[in-house]
């Protein structure tokens, strides 16, 4: 994810300052709870296996790990250091999550993640990346034969003309087409889904900062 505004120096500096929560954008409890609600609405049960893509410092993980059966939560991020910071600081019972299940992955290759994954979520990941990375992630996820639902968020612009210039989202965030935070068209989302073997549905759930939630199921 070379195009991400986050790099090793950024992570090292912010983690040294104890800012593992701030790195992932704040609204810690509100956003983690929104993710859990979305996943449970999508059918996530304790016996399912969850892949948290771009998990950061476990804003979702600190809620999902106690909910899921031990060993059923896996997380990836471009920085393993931030995953480990979350493991150390945010889990009520760290023994429920083996650190080996926290995997550094900057390319959506999902190395070491088992084929048992049934649900995946990428929350507030793609607004930081060029839109082609969404297609890459959807392609990579197709190897999980048991995957039932992939939940992800994006910022949208209403039409191609508007998308070519900065656009103010409902919560005030200004997004762009060629620099982060990125927006794209709803047609782009459906197009990437169709190209990679998914059917994507826009959800009505209101999310922090005006992001839009999509649920993708295998076509």
N, C-alpha and C. Protein backbone atom coordinates (compact mmCIF):
# COMPACT_ATOMS: atom_id res chain seq x y z
N UNK A 1 0.83 -1.18 0.00
CA UNK A 1 0.00 0.00 0.00
C UNK A 1 0.88 1.25 0.00
N UNK A 2 1.73 1.35 -0.99
CA UNK A 2 2.69 2.44 -1.02
C UNK A 2 2.01 3.80 -1.06
N UNK A 3 0.77 3.85 -1.56
CA UNK A 3 0.09 5.13 -1.69
C UNK A 3 -0.54 5.60 -0.39
N UNK A 4 -0.48 4.80 0.65
CA UNK A 4 -1.06 5.19 1.93
C UNK A 4 -0.28 6.33 2.54
N UNK A 5 -0.96 7.26 3.23
CA UNK A 5 -0.24 8.34 3.91
C UNK A 5 0.52 7.87 5.13
N UNK A 6 0.29 6.62 5.55
CA UNK A 6 0.98 6.07 6.71
C UNK A 6 2.22 5.30 6.26
N UNK A 7 3.34 5.53 6.95
CA UNK A 7 4.55 4.78 6.65
C UNK A 7 5.20 4.36 7.96
N UNK A 8 6.33 3.64 7.88
CA UNK A 8 6.96 3.10 9.08
C UNK A 8 7.36 4.21 10.04
N UNK A 9 7.85 5.34 9.52
CA UNK A 9 8.26 6.44 10.38
C UNK A 9 7.07 7.02 11.13
N UNK A 10 5.94 7.15 10.43
CA UNK A 10 4.73 7.66 11.06
C UNK A 10 4.30 6.75 12.20
N UNK A 11 4.23 5.44 11.93
CA UNK A 11 3.82 4.50 12.98
C UNK A 11 4.77 4.55 14.16
N UNK A 12 6.08 4.53 13.89
CA UNK A 12 7.05 4.52 14.97
C UNK A 12 6.92 5.76 15.84
N UNK A 13 6.75 6.92 15.21
CA UNK A 13 6.64 8.17 15.95
C UNK A 13 5.38 8.21 16.82
N UNK A 14 4.24 7.83 16.21
CA UNK A 14 2.98 7.92 16.94
C UNK A 14 2.86 6.86 18.03
N UNK A 15 3.35 5.66 17.77
CA UNK A 15 3.30 4.61 18.79
C UNK A 15 4.21 4.96 19.96
N UNK A 16 5.36 5.58 19.69
CA UNK A 16 6.26 6.00 20.76
C UNK A 16 5.60 7.04 21.66
N UNK A 17 4.66 7.78 21.11
CA UNK A 17 3.92 8.79 21.89
C UNK A 17 2.68 8.22 22.55
N UNK A 18 2.46 6.90 22.40
CA UNK A 18 1.30 6.27 23.01
C UNK A 18 -0.01 6.61 22.32
N UNK A 19 0.06 6.91 21.04
CA UNK A 19 -1.13 7.36 20.30
C UNK A 19 -1.70 6.27 19.40
N UNK A 20 -1.72 5.04 19.89
CA UNK A 20 -2.23 3.95 19.05
C UNK A 20 -3.70 4.10 18.72
N UNK A 21 -4.46 4.73 19.59
CA UNK A 21 -5.88 4.98 19.27
C UNK A 21 -6.03 6.09 18.24
N UNK A 22 -5.27 7.14 18.41
CA UNK A 22 -5.40 8.29 17.52
C UNK A 22 -5.00 7.94 16.09
N UNK A 23 -4.06 7.02 15.92
CA UNK A 23 -3.61 6.64 14.58
C UNK A 23 -4.79 6.18 13.72
N UNK A 24 -5.73 5.46 14.34
CA UNK A 24 -6.83 4.91 13.57
C UNK A 24 -8.02 5.86 13.46
N UNK A 25 -7.86 7.10 13.92
CA UNK A 25 -8.85 8.12 13.59
C UNK A 25 -9.80 8.54 14.68
N UNK A 26 -9.61 8.09 15.91
CA UNK A 26 -10.49 8.54 16.98
C UNK A 26 -11.85 7.86 16.97
N UNK A 27 -12.79 8.46 17.71
CA UNK A 27 -14.14 7.91 17.87
C UNK A 27 -14.06 6.41 18.20
N UNK A 28 -13.21 6.08 19.15
CA UNK A 28 -12.84 4.70 19.43
C UNK A 28 -14.06 3.82 19.71
N UNK A 29 -14.79 4.14 20.77
CA UNK A 29 -15.92 3.28 21.17
C UNK A 29 -17.05 3.34 20.15
N UNK A 30 -17.36 4.54 19.67
CA UNK A 30 -18.45 4.70 18.71
C UNK A 30 -18.20 3.88 17.44
N UNK A 31 -16.97 3.96 16.93
CA UNK A 31 -16.67 3.28 15.68
C UNK A 31 -16.58 1.77 15.87
N UNK A 32 -15.94 1.32 16.95
CA UNK A 32 -15.88 -0.11 17.22
C UNK A 32 -17.25 -0.72 17.40
N UNK A 33 -18.12 0.00 18.10
CA UNK A 33 -19.48 -0.51 18.30
C UNK A 33 -20.25 -0.55 16.98
N UNK A 34 -20.06 0.47 16.13
CA UNK A 34 -20.72 0.46 14.82
C UNK A 34 -20.29 -0.75 14.00
N UNK A 35 -19.03 -1.10 14.08
CA UNK A 35 -18.55 -2.27 13.34
C UNK A 35 -19.18 -3.56 13.88
N UNK A 36 -19.26 -3.67 15.19
CA UNK A 36 -19.87 -4.87 15.77
C UNK A 36 -21.35 -4.98 15.40
N UNK A 37 -22.05 -3.86 15.41
CA UNK A 37 -23.46 -3.88 15.02
C UNK A 37 -23.60 -4.33 13.57
N UNK A 38 -22.76 -3.79 12.70
CA UNK A 38 -22.82 -4.17 11.29
C UNK A 38 -22.54 -5.66 11.11
N UNK A 39 -21.56 -6.17 11.81
CA UNK A 39 -21.21 -7.59 11.67
C UNK A 39 -22.30 -8.49 12.21
N UNK A 40 -22.85 -8.15 13.36
CA UNK A 40 -23.92 -9.00 13.92
C UNK A 40 -25.18 -8.93 13.05
N UNK A 41 -25.44 -7.77 12.48
CA UNK A 41 -26.56 -7.65 11.55
C UNK A 41 -26.33 -8.52 10.33
N UNK A 42 -25.05 -8.65 9.93
CA UNK A 42 -24.69 -9.49 8.78
C UNK A 42 -24.63 -10.97 9.13
N UNK A 43 -24.95 -11.31 10.37
CA UNK A 43 -25.05 -12.72 10.75
C UNK A 43 -23.88 -13.29 11.49
N UNK A 44 -22.92 -12.45 11.92
CA UNK A 44 -21.75 -12.97 12.62
C UNK A 44 -22.16 -13.56 13.97
N UNK A 45 -21.78 -14.82 14.18
CA UNK A 45 -22.05 -15.53 15.43
C UNK A 45 -20.73 -15.91 16.08
N UNK A 46 -20.74 -16.23 17.37
CA UNK A 46 -19.47 -16.56 18.05
C UNK A 46 -18.68 -17.69 17.41
N UNK A 47 -19.34 -18.62 16.75
CA UNK A 47 -18.64 -19.73 16.12
C UNK A 47 -18.07 -19.43 14.75
N UNK A 48 -18.36 -18.26 14.22
CA UNK A 48 -17.81 -17.86 12.92
C UNK A 48 -16.36 -17.42 13.07
N UNK A 49 -15.68 -17.26 11.94
CA UNK A 49 -14.28 -16.83 11.93
C UNK A 49 -14.19 -15.51 11.19
N UNK A 50 -13.65 -14.49 11.86
CA UNK A 50 -13.64 -13.13 11.34
C UNK A 50 -12.23 -12.71 10.93
N UNK A 51 -12.13 -12.06 9.76
CA UNK A 51 -10.91 -11.42 9.31
C UNK A 51 -11.12 -9.91 9.35
N UNK A 52 -10.36 -9.22 10.18
CA UNK A 52 -10.43 -7.77 10.35
C UNK A 52 -9.29 -7.16 9.54
N UNK A 53 -9.61 -6.59 8.38
CA UNK A 53 -8.61 -6.07 7.44
C UNK A 53 -8.34 -4.61 7.76
N UNK A 54 -7.06 -4.26 7.87
CA UNK A 54 -6.72 -2.91 8.29
C UNK A 54 -7.14 -2.66 9.72
N UNK A 55 -6.86 -3.63 10.59
CA UNK A 55 -7.41 -3.65 11.95
C UNK A 55 -6.79 -2.61 12.87
N UNK A 56 -5.64 -2.05 12.49
CA UNK A 56 -5.03 -1.02 13.32
C UNK A 56 -4.74 -1.52 14.73
N UNK A 57 -5.12 -0.72 15.71
CA UNK A 57 -4.84 -1.05 17.11
C UNK A 57 -6.00 -1.78 17.78
N UNK A 58 -6.77 -2.52 16.97
CA UNK A 58 -7.84 -3.42 17.45
C UNK A 58 -9.03 -2.66 18.03
N UNK A 59 -9.42 -1.59 17.36
CA UNK A 59 -10.62 -0.86 17.74
C UNK A 59 -11.84 -1.77 17.65
N UNK A 60 -11.90 -2.59 16.61
CA UNK A 60 -12.93 -3.63 16.54
C UNK A 60 -12.51 -4.87 17.33
N UNK A 61 -11.25 -5.22 17.25
CA UNK A 61 -10.78 -6.45 17.88
C UNK A 61 -11.06 -6.52 19.36
N UNK A 62 -10.97 -5.39 20.06
CA UNK A 62 -11.20 -5.43 21.51
C UNK A 62 -12.65 -5.77 21.84
N UNK A 63 -13.55 -5.63 20.86
CA UNK A 63 -14.95 -6.03 21.05
C UNK A 63 -15.23 -7.39 20.42
N UNK A 64 -14.59 -7.68 19.29
CA UNK A 64 -14.85 -8.93 18.59
C UNK A 64 -14.21 -10.12 19.28
N UNK A 65 -13.02 -9.95 19.85
CA UNK A 65 -12.33 -11.07 20.48
C UNK A 65 -13.14 -11.66 21.63
N UNK A 66 -13.71 -10.86 22.54
CA UNK A 66 -14.54 -11.45 23.60
C UNK A 66 -15.83 -12.09 23.08
N UNK A 67 -16.33 -11.60 21.94
CA UNK A 67 -17.57 -12.12 21.38
C UNK A 67 -17.37 -13.45 20.69
N UNK A 68 -16.27 -13.58 19.96
CA UNK A 68 -16.00 -14.79 19.18
C UNK A 68 -15.37 -15.87 20.05
N UNK A 69 -15.50 -17.11 19.61
CA UNK A 69 -14.80 -18.20 20.26
C UNK A 69 -13.29 -17.99 20.11
N UNK A 70 -12.50 -18.45 21.09
CA UNK A 70 -11.04 -18.26 20.99
C UNK A 70 -10.48 -18.82 19.68
N UNK A 71 -9.59 -18.05 19.08
CA UNK A 71 -8.96 -18.47 17.83
C UNK A 71 -9.73 -18.10 16.59
N UNK A 72 -10.88 -17.44 16.74
CA UNK A 72 -11.74 -17.14 15.59
C UNK A 72 -11.60 -15.72 15.07
N UNK A 73 -10.67 -14.95 15.63
CA UNK A 73 -10.42 -13.59 15.16
C UNK A 73 -9.02 -13.51 14.57
N UNK A 74 -8.94 -13.01 13.34
CA UNK A 74 -7.67 -12.77 12.65
C UNK A 74 -7.65 -11.32 12.19
N UNK A 75 -6.47 -10.72 12.21
CA UNK A 75 -6.37 -9.31 11.84
C UNK A 75 -5.14 -9.08 10.96
N UNK A 76 -5.29 -8.19 10.00
CA UNK A 76 -4.18 -7.77 9.16
C UNK A 76 -4.07 -6.25 9.19
N UNK A 77 -2.87 -5.77 8.95
CA UNK A 77 -2.65 -4.34 8.83
C UNK A 77 -1.30 -4.13 8.14
N UNK A 78 -1.11 -2.97 7.55
CA UNK A 78 0.18 -2.66 6.94
C UNK A 78 1.29 -2.61 7.97
N UNK A 79 0.94 -2.36 9.24
CA UNK A 79 1.92 -2.31 10.33
C UNK A 79 1.57 -3.35 11.39
N UNK A 80 2.46 -4.31 11.60
CA UNK A 80 2.23 -5.26 12.70
C UNK A 80 2.46 -4.57 14.04
N UNK A 81 3.29 -3.55 14.06
CA UNK A 81 3.56 -2.84 15.32
C UNK A 81 2.28 -2.28 15.92
N UNK A 82 1.40 -1.73 15.09
CA UNK A 82 0.17 -1.16 15.65
C UNK A 82 -0.79 -2.27 16.11
N UNK A 83 -0.78 -3.40 15.40
CA UNK A 83 -1.59 -4.53 15.86
C UNK A 83 -1.12 -4.99 17.24
N UNK A 84 0.19 -5.10 17.42
CA UNK A 84 0.73 -5.55 18.70
C UNK A 84 0.50 -4.52 19.80
N UNK A 85 0.51 -3.23 19.45
CA UNK A 85 0.20 -2.20 20.43
C UNK A 85 -1.24 -2.35 20.93
N UNK A 86 -2.15 -2.63 20.02
CA UNK A 86 -3.53 -2.87 20.41
C UNK A 86 -3.67 -4.11 21.26
N UNK A 87 -2.94 -5.15 20.90
CA UNK A 87 -2.98 -6.40 21.67
C UNK A 87 -2.52 -6.15 23.10
N UNK A 88 -1.50 -5.35 23.27
CA UNK A 88 -0.94 -5.08 24.59
C UNK A 88 -1.83 -4.17 25.43
N UNK A 89 -2.54 -3.23 24.78
CA UNK A 89 -3.22 -2.19 25.54
C UNK A 89 -4.74 -2.31 25.59
N UNK A 90 -5.35 -3.00 24.63
CA UNK A 90 -6.79 -2.87 24.47
C UNK A 90 -7.61 -4.14 24.75
N UNK A 91 -6.98 -5.28 24.90
CA UNK A 91 -7.72 -6.52 25.11
C UNK A 91 -7.92 -6.77 26.60
N UNK A 92 -9.17 -7.02 26.99
CA UNK A 92 -9.44 -7.32 28.39
C UNK A 92 -8.75 -8.61 28.81
N UNK A 93 -8.67 -9.57 27.90
CA UNK A 93 -8.02 -10.85 28.17
C UNK A 93 -7.13 -11.20 26.97
N UNK A 94 -5.88 -10.74 26.97
CA UNK A 94 -5.01 -10.98 25.82
C UNK A 94 -4.80 -12.46 25.50
N UNK A 95 -5.02 -13.33 26.46
CA UNK A 95 -4.80 -14.76 26.21
C UNK A 95 -5.79 -15.33 25.21
N UNK A 96 -6.88 -14.60 24.95
CA UNK A 96 -7.88 -15.09 23.99
C UNK A 96 -7.45 -14.87 22.53
N UNK A 97 -6.37 -14.12 22.33
CA UNK A 97 -5.91 -13.84 20.96
C UNK A 97 -4.42 -14.11 20.85
N UNK A 98 -4.06 -15.13 20.11
CA UNK A 98 -2.66 -15.45 19.84
C UNK A 98 -2.06 -14.36 18.96
N UNK A 99 -0.96 -13.72 19.37
CA UNK A 99 -0.35 -12.69 18.52
C UNK A 99 0.00 -13.18 17.12
N UNK A 100 0.14 -14.50 16.94
CA UNK A 100 0.43 -15.03 15.60
C UNK A 100 -0.72 -14.77 14.64
N UNK A 101 -1.90 -14.45 15.16
CA UNK A 101 -3.06 -14.16 14.33
C UNK A 101 -3.16 -12.68 13.96
N UNK A 102 -2.13 -11.92 14.29
CA UNK A 102 -2.02 -10.52 13.91
C UNK A 102 -0.93 -10.44 12.84
N UNK A 103 -1.32 -10.17 11.61
CA UNK A 103 -0.45 -10.39 10.45
C UNK A 103 -0.20 -9.08 9.70
N UNK A 104 1.07 -8.81 9.43
CA UNK A 104 1.42 -7.65 8.61
C UNK A 104 1.15 -7.97 7.14
N UNK A 105 0.37 -7.11 6.51
CA UNK A 105 -0.03 -7.37 5.12
C UNK A 105 -0.35 -6.03 4.48
N UNK A 106 0.52 -5.57 3.61
CA UNK A 106 0.33 -4.28 2.94
C UNK A 106 -0.23 -4.40 1.54
N UNK A 107 -0.53 -5.64 1.09
CA UNK A 107 -0.92 -5.85 -0.30
C UNK A 107 -2.22 -6.63 -0.46
N UNK A 108 -2.93 -6.88 0.63
CA UNK A 108 -4.15 -7.69 0.58
C UNK A 108 -3.89 -9.08 0.02
N UNK A 109 -2.73 -9.63 0.40
CA UNK A 109 -2.42 -11.02 0.04
C UNK A 109 -2.89 -12.00 1.12
N UNK A 110 -3.15 -11.51 2.32
CA UNK A 110 -3.66 -12.30 3.44
C UNK A 110 -2.78 -13.51 3.75
N UNK A 111 -1.48 -13.31 3.89
CA UNK A 111 -0.59 -14.45 4.15
C UNK A 111 -0.86 -15.07 5.52
N UNK A 112 -0.94 -16.39 5.56
CA UNK A 112 -1.11 -17.08 6.81
C UNK A 112 -2.51 -17.10 7.37
N UNK A 113 -3.45 -16.42 6.72
CA UNK A 113 -4.83 -16.42 7.19
C UNK A 113 -5.49 -17.72 6.74
N UNK A 114 -6.16 -18.46 7.65
CA UNK A 114 -6.69 -19.78 7.29
C UNK A 114 -7.93 -19.70 6.41
N UNK A 115 -8.22 -20.79 5.74
CA UNK A 115 -9.38 -20.85 4.85
C UNK A 115 -10.71 -20.94 5.60
N UNK A 116 -10.66 -20.96 6.93
CA UNK A 116 -11.87 -21.07 7.74
C UNK A 116 -12.63 -19.76 7.87
N UNK A 117 -12.08 -18.66 7.35
CA UNK A 117 -12.71 -17.34 7.50
C UNK A 117 -14.12 -17.36 6.88
N UNK A 118 -15.10 -16.88 7.67
CA UNK A 118 -16.48 -16.82 7.18
C UNK A 118 -16.96 -15.38 6.97
N UNK A 119 -16.36 -14.43 7.67
CA UNK A 119 -16.74 -13.03 7.55
C UNK A 119 -15.47 -12.18 7.51
N UNK A 120 -15.51 -11.11 6.73
CA UNK A 120 -14.39 -10.17 6.66
C UNK A 120 -14.93 -8.75 6.68
N UNK A 121 -14.13 -7.86 7.25
CA UNK A 121 -14.53 -6.46 7.30
C UNK A 121 -13.30 -5.59 7.07
N UNK A 122 -13.48 -4.52 6.30
CA UNK A 122 -12.44 -3.51 6.09
C UNK A 122 -13.10 -2.16 6.33
N UNK A 123 -12.95 -1.65 7.54
CA UNK A 123 -13.65 -0.43 7.95
C UNK A 123 -12.68 0.74 7.92
N UNK A 124 -13.01 1.77 7.15
CA UNK A 124 -12.19 2.97 7.03
C UNK A 124 -10.79 2.65 6.52
N UNK A 125 -10.71 1.68 5.63
CA UNK A 125 -9.44 1.30 5.00
C UNK A 125 -9.32 1.94 3.62
N UNK A 126 -10.30 1.75 2.78
CA UNK A 126 -10.19 2.19 1.38
C UNK A 126 -10.26 3.70 1.19
N UNK A 127 -10.83 4.49 2.11
CA UNK A 127 -10.71 5.94 1.95
C UNK A 127 -9.28 6.46 1.96
N UNK A 128 -8.34 5.64 2.45
CA UNK A 128 -6.93 6.05 2.49
C UNK A 128 -6.14 5.54 1.29
N UNK A 129 -6.78 4.81 0.38
CA UNK A 129 -6.05 4.12 -0.68
C UNK A 129 -6.68 4.38 -2.04
N UNK A 130 -5.89 4.34 -3.12
CA UNK A 130 -6.46 4.45 -4.47
C UNK A 130 -7.49 3.35 -4.71
N UNK A 131 -8.48 3.65 -5.53
CA UNK A 131 -9.61 2.74 -5.67
C UNK A 131 -9.20 1.35 -6.18
N UNK A 132 -8.10 1.24 -6.90
CA UNK A 132 -7.67 -0.07 -7.39
C UNK A 132 -7.39 -1.04 -6.25
N UNK A 133 -7.08 -0.52 -5.05
CA UNK A 133 -6.81 -1.39 -3.92
C UNK A 133 -8.07 -2.11 -3.45
N UNK A 134 -9.23 -1.51 -3.66
CA UNK A 134 -10.48 -2.21 -3.36
C UNK A 134 -10.62 -3.43 -4.26
N UNK A 135 -10.35 -3.26 -5.53
CA UNK A 135 -10.42 -4.39 -6.46
C UNK A 135 -9.41 -5.47 -6.07
N UNK A 136 -8.21 -5.05 -5.68
CA UNK A 136 -7.20 -6.02 -5.28
C UNK A 136 -7.65 -6.81 -4.05
N UNK A 137 -8.23 -6.14 -3.08
CA UNK A 137 -8.70 -6.83 -1.88
C UNK A 137 -9.81 -7.81 -2.22
N UNK A 138 -10.75 -7.40 -3.05
CA UNK A 138 -11.86 -8.28 -3.41
C UNK A 138 -11.36 -9.50 -4.17
N UNK A 139 -10.33 -9.29 -4.97
CA UNK A 139 -9.73 -10.42 -5.68
C UNK A 139 -9.06 -11.38 -4.70
N UNK A 140 -8.28 -10.85 -3.77
CA UNK A 140 -7.60 -11.68 -2.80
C UNK A 140 -8.53 -12.47 -1.90
N UNK A 141 -9.66 -11.89 -1.57
CA UNK A 141 -10.61 -12.55 -0.67
C UNK A 141 -11.31 -13.74 -1.32
N UNK A 142 -11.27 -13.83 -2.62
CA UNK A 142 -11.97 -14.93 -3.29
C UNK A 142 -11.37 -16.29 -2.95
N UNK A 143 -10.16 -16.32 -2.42
CA UNK A 143 -9.56 -17.62 -2.08
C UNK A 143 -10.18 -18.25 -0.84
N UNK A 144 -10.96 -17.48 -0.07
CA UNK A 144 -11.58 -18.01 1.13
C UNK A 144 -12.93 -18.64 0.76
N UNK A 145 -12.93 -19.94 0.61
CA UNK A 145 -14.10 -20.64 0.08
C UNK A 145 -15.30 -20.61 1.02
N UNK A 146 -15.07 -20.37 2.31
CA UNK A 146 -16.17 -20.33 3.28
C UNK A 146 -16.66 -18.91 3.57
N UNK A 147 -16.08 -17.93 2.92
CA UNK A 147 -16.42 -16.54 3.20
C UNK A 147 -17.86 -16.25 2.76
N UNK A 148 -18.68 -15.83 3.72
CA UNK A 148 -20.09 -15.55 3.46
C UNK A 148 -20.36 -14.07 3.19
N UNK A 149 -19.65 -13.20 3.90
CA UNK A 149 -19.91 -11.77 3.82
C UNK A 149 -18.59 -11.00 3.92
N UNK A 150 -18.45 -9.99 3.08
CA UNK A 150 -17.34 -9.04 3.18
C UNK A 150 -17.95 -7.65 3.33
N UNK A 151 -17.72 -7.03 4.46
CA UNK A 151 -18.22 -5.69 4.74
C UNK A 151 -17.08 -4.69 4.57
N UNK A 152 -17.36 -3.58 3.91
CA UNK A 152 -16.33 -2.56 3.72
C UNK A 152 -16.98 -1.19 3.59
N UNK A 153 -16.19 -0.17 3.87
CA UNK A 153 -16.69 1.19 3.80
C UNK A 153 -15.89 2.01 2.80
N UNK A 154 -16.57 2.96 2.20
CA UNK A 154 -15.94 3.92 1.28
C UNK A 154 -16.63 5.27 1.45
N UNK A 155 -16.00 6.30 0.94
CA UNK A 155 -16.69 7.56 0.72
C UNK A 155 -17.17 7.59 -0.72
N UNK A 156 -18.36 8.11 -0.94
CA UNK A 156 -18.93 8.20 -2.27
C UNK A 156 -19.08 9.66 -2.70
N UNK A 157 -18.98 9.87 -4.00
CA UNK A 157 -19.39 11.12 -4.63
C UNK A 157 -20.62 10.82 -5.47
N UNK A 158 -21.51 11.78 -5.66
CA UNK A 158 -22.80 11.48 -6.29
C UNK A 158 -22.74 11.26 -7.79
N UNK A 159 -21.74 11.83 -8.49
CA UNK A 159 -21.68 11.69 -9.94
C UNK A 159 -20.25 11.98 -10.39
N UNK A 160 -19.98 11.68 -11.65
CA UNK A 160 -18.62 11.80 -12.17
C UNK A 160 -18.11 13.23 -12.19
N UNK A 161 -18.99 14.17 -12.46
CA UNK A 161 -18.57 15.58 -12.49
C UNK A 161 -18.17 16.02 -11.09
N UNK A 162 -19.01 15.71 -10.11
CA UNK A 162 -18.69 16.07 -8.73
C UNK A 162 -17.43 15.37 -8.25
N UNK A 163 -17.26 14.11 -8.67
CA UNK A 163 -16.12 13.32 -8.21
C UNK A 163 -14.79 13.89 -8.67
N UNK A 164 -14.80 14.70 -9.70
CA UNK A 164 -13.55 15.25 -10.24
C UNK A 164 -13.00 16.41 -9.41
N UNK A 165 -13.74 16.81 -8.39
CA UNK A 165 -13.27 17.91 -7.54
C UNK A 165 -13.51 17.55 -6.07
N UNK A 166 -12.94 18.31 -5.16
CA UNK A 166 -13.17 18.01 -3.73
C UNK A 166 -14.66 18.01 -3.40
N UNK A 167 -15.05 17.06 -2.55
CA UNK A 167 -16.46 16.90 -2.22
C UNK A 167 -16.61 16.81 -0.71
N UNK A 168 -17.52 17.60 -0.14
CA UNK A 168 -17.74 17.61 1.29
C UNK A 168 -18.77 16.54 1.67
N UNK A 169 -18.36 15.61 2.50
CA UNK A 169 -19.23 14.53 2.93
C UNK A 169 -20.22 15.00 4.01
N UNK A 170 -21.25 14.20 4.32
CA UNK A 170 -22.28 14.64 5.27
C UNK A 170 -21.75 15.08 6.63
N UNK A 171 -20.67 14.45 7.10
CA UNK A 171 -20.11 14.82 8.41
C UNK A 171 -19.02 15.87 8.30
N UNK A 172 -18.82 16.45 7.11
CA UNK A 172 -17.89 17.54 6.96
C UNK A 172 -16.53 17.18 6.40
N UNK A 173 -16.21 15.90 6.28
CA UNK A 173 -14.93 15.49 5.72
C UNK A 173 -14.90 15.83 4.23
N UNK A 174 -13.81 16.42 3.76
CA UNK A 174 -13.66 16.73 2.34
C UNK A 174 -12.84 15.61 1.69
N UNK A 175 -13.42 14.97 0.68
CA UNK A 175 -12.77 13.85 0.01
C UNK A 175 -12.40 14.22 -1.42
N UNK A 176 -11.57 13.36 -2.04
CA UNK A 176 -10.98 13.68 -3.35
C UNK A 176 -10.93 12.42 -4.21
N UNK A 177 -10.67 12.63 -5.50
CA UNK A 177 -10.56 11.47 -6.39
C UNK A 177 -9.13 11.02 -6.59
N UNK A 178 -8.12 11.91 -6.40
CA UNK A 178 -6.74 11.53 -6.69
C UNK A 178 -5.81 11.72 -5.50
N UNK A 179 -6.34 11.99 -4.33
CA UNK A 179 -5.52 12.00 -3.12
C UNK A 179 -6.41 11.68 -1.92
N UNK A 180 -5.81 11.17 -0.85
CA UNK A 180 -6.62 10.80 0.31
C UNK A 180 -7.10 12.04 1.08
N UNK A 181 -8.26 11.89 1.76
CA UNK A 181 -9.16 10.73 1.72
C UNK A 181 -9.89 10.67 0.39
N UNK A 182 -9.98 9.45 -0.16
CA UNK A 182 -10.52 9.23 -1.49
C UNK A 182 -12.03 9.01 -1.46
N UNK A 183 -12.68 9.44 -2.54
CA UNK A 183 -14.05 9.02 -2.79
C UNK A 183 -14.11 8.28 -4.14
N UNK A 184 -15.18 7.58 -4.36
CA UNK A 184 -15.42 6.95 -5.65
C UNK A 184 -16.91 6.93 -5.90
N UNK A 185 -17.30 6.45 -7.04
CA UNK A 185 -18.71 6.39 -7.40
C UNK A 185 -19.29 5.04 -6.98
N UNK A 186 -20.58 5.04 -6.67
CA UNK A 186 -21.23 3.77 -6.34
C UNK A 186 -21.10 2.79 -7.50
N UNK A 187 -21.15 3.28 -8.72
CA UNK A 187 -20.99 2.41 -9.88
C UNK A 187 -19.61 1.75 -9.90
N UNK A 188 -18.59 2.45 -9.40
CA UNK A 188 -17.26 1.85 -9.31
C UNK A 188 -17.26 0.65 -8.38
N UNK A 189 -17.94 0.80 -7.24
CA UNK A 189 -18.01 -0.30 -6.27
C UNK A 189 -18.66 -1.53 -6.91
N UNK A 190 -19.79 -1.32 -7.54
CA UNK A 190 -20.50 -2.45 -8.16
C UNK A 190 -19.67 -3.04 -9.31
N UNK A 191 -18.96 -2.18 -10.03
CA UNK A 191 -18.13 -2.67 -11.12
C UNK A 191 -16.99 -3.55 -10.62
N UNK A 192 -16.28 -3.10 -9.57
CA UNK A 192 -15.21 -3.92 -9.01
C UNK A 192 -15.75 -5.23 -8.47
N UNK A 193 -16.92 -5.18 -7.83
CA UNK A 193 -17.51 -6.40 -7.31
C UNK A 193 -17.80 -7.39 -8.43
N UNK A 194 -18.41 -6.93 -9.50
CA UNK A 194 -18.74 -7.81 -10.61
C UNK A 194 -17.49 -8.39 -11.25
N UNK A 195 -16.43 -7.58 -11.36
CA UNK A 195 -15.19 -8.04 -11.99
C UNK A 195 -14.50 -9.12 -11.17
N UNK A 196 -14.71 -9.13 -9.87
CA UNK A 196 -13.96 -10.03 -8.99
C UNK A 196 -14.82 -11.13 -8.38
N UNK A 197 -16.06 -11.26 -8.83
CA UNK A 197 -16.88 -12.38 -8.40
C UNK A 197 -17.73 -12.14 -7.17
N UNK A 198 -18.15 -10.88 -6.96
CA UNK A 198 -18.97 -10.53 -5.82
C UNK A 198 -20.24 -9.82 -6.28
N UNK A 199 -21.22 -9.79 -5.41
CA UNK A 199 -22.39 -8.92 -5.56
C UNK A 199 -22.39 -7.99 -4.35
N UNK A 200 -22.31 -6.69 -4.59
CA UNK A 200 -22.22 -5.71 -3.51
C UNK A 200 -23.56 -5.00 -3.32
N UNK A 201 -23.93 -4.81 -2.07
CA UNK A 201 -25.17 -4.12 -1.73
C UNK A 201 -24.86 -2.96 -0.80
N UNK A 202 -25.37 -1.79 -1.13
CA UNK A 202 -25.20 -0.62 -0.26
C UNK A 202 -26.16 -0.73 0.91
N UNK A 203 -25.63 -0.53 2.11
CA UNK A 203 -26.44 -0.62 3.32
C UNK A 203 -26.88 0.77 3.77
N UNK A 204 -28.00 0.82 4.50
CA UNK A 204 -28.56 2.09 4.93
C UNK A 204 -27.96 2.60 6.24
N UNK A 205 -27.22 1.76 6.93
CA UNK A 205 -26.67 2.11 8.24
C UNK A 205 -25.81 3.38 8.15
N UNK A 206 -26.07 4.34 9.02
CA UNK A 206 -25.29 5.58 9.06
C UNK A 206 -24.01 5.34 9.85
N UNK A 207 -22.89 5.77 9.29
CA UNK A 207 -21.60 5.50 9.89
C UNK A 207 -20.86 6.79 10.20
N UNK A 208 -19.89 6.73 11.13
CA UNK A 208 -19.11 7.93 11.45
C UNK A 208 -18.44 8.54 10.23
N UNK A 209 -18.45 9.88 10.18
CA UNK A 209 -17.79 10.68 9.16
C UNK A 209 -18.43 10.54 7.77
N UNK A 210 -19.62 9.96 7.70
CA UNK A 210 -20.31 9.89 6.42
C UNK A 210 -19.86 8.78 5.51
N UNK A 211 -19.09 7.81 6.03
CA UNK A 211 -18.73 6.66 5.20
C UNK A 211 -19.98 5.87 4.85
N UNK A 212 -19.88 5.11 3.76
CA UNK A 212 -20.97 4.27 3.29
C UNK A 212 -20.57 2.82 3.42
N UNK A 213 -21.44 2.02 3.99
CA UNK A 213 -21.18 0.60 4.20
C UNK A 213 -21.74 -0.22 3.05
N UNK A 214 -20.92 -1.14 2.54
CA UNK A 214 -21.36 -2.12 1.54
C UNK A 214 -21.16 -3.51 2.10
N UNK A 215 -22.04 -4.41 1.71
CA UNK A 215 -21.88 -5.83 2.01
C UNK A 215 -21.77 -6.56 0.69
N UNK A 216 -20.71 -7.36 0.56
CA UNK A 216 -20.49 -8.14 -0.65
C UNK A 216 -20.64 -9.62 -0.33
N UNK A 217 -21.32 -10.34 -1.21
CA UNK A 217 -21.46 -11.80 -1.08
C UNK A 217 -20.94 -12.42 -2.37
N UNK A 218 -20.44 -13.66 -2.29
CA UNK A 218 -19.95 -14.29 -3.52
C UNK A 218 -21.03 -14.39 -4.57
N UNK A 219 -20.67 -14.09 -5.80
CA UNK A 219 -21.65 -14.14 -6.89
C UNK A 219 -21.97 -15.58 -7.23
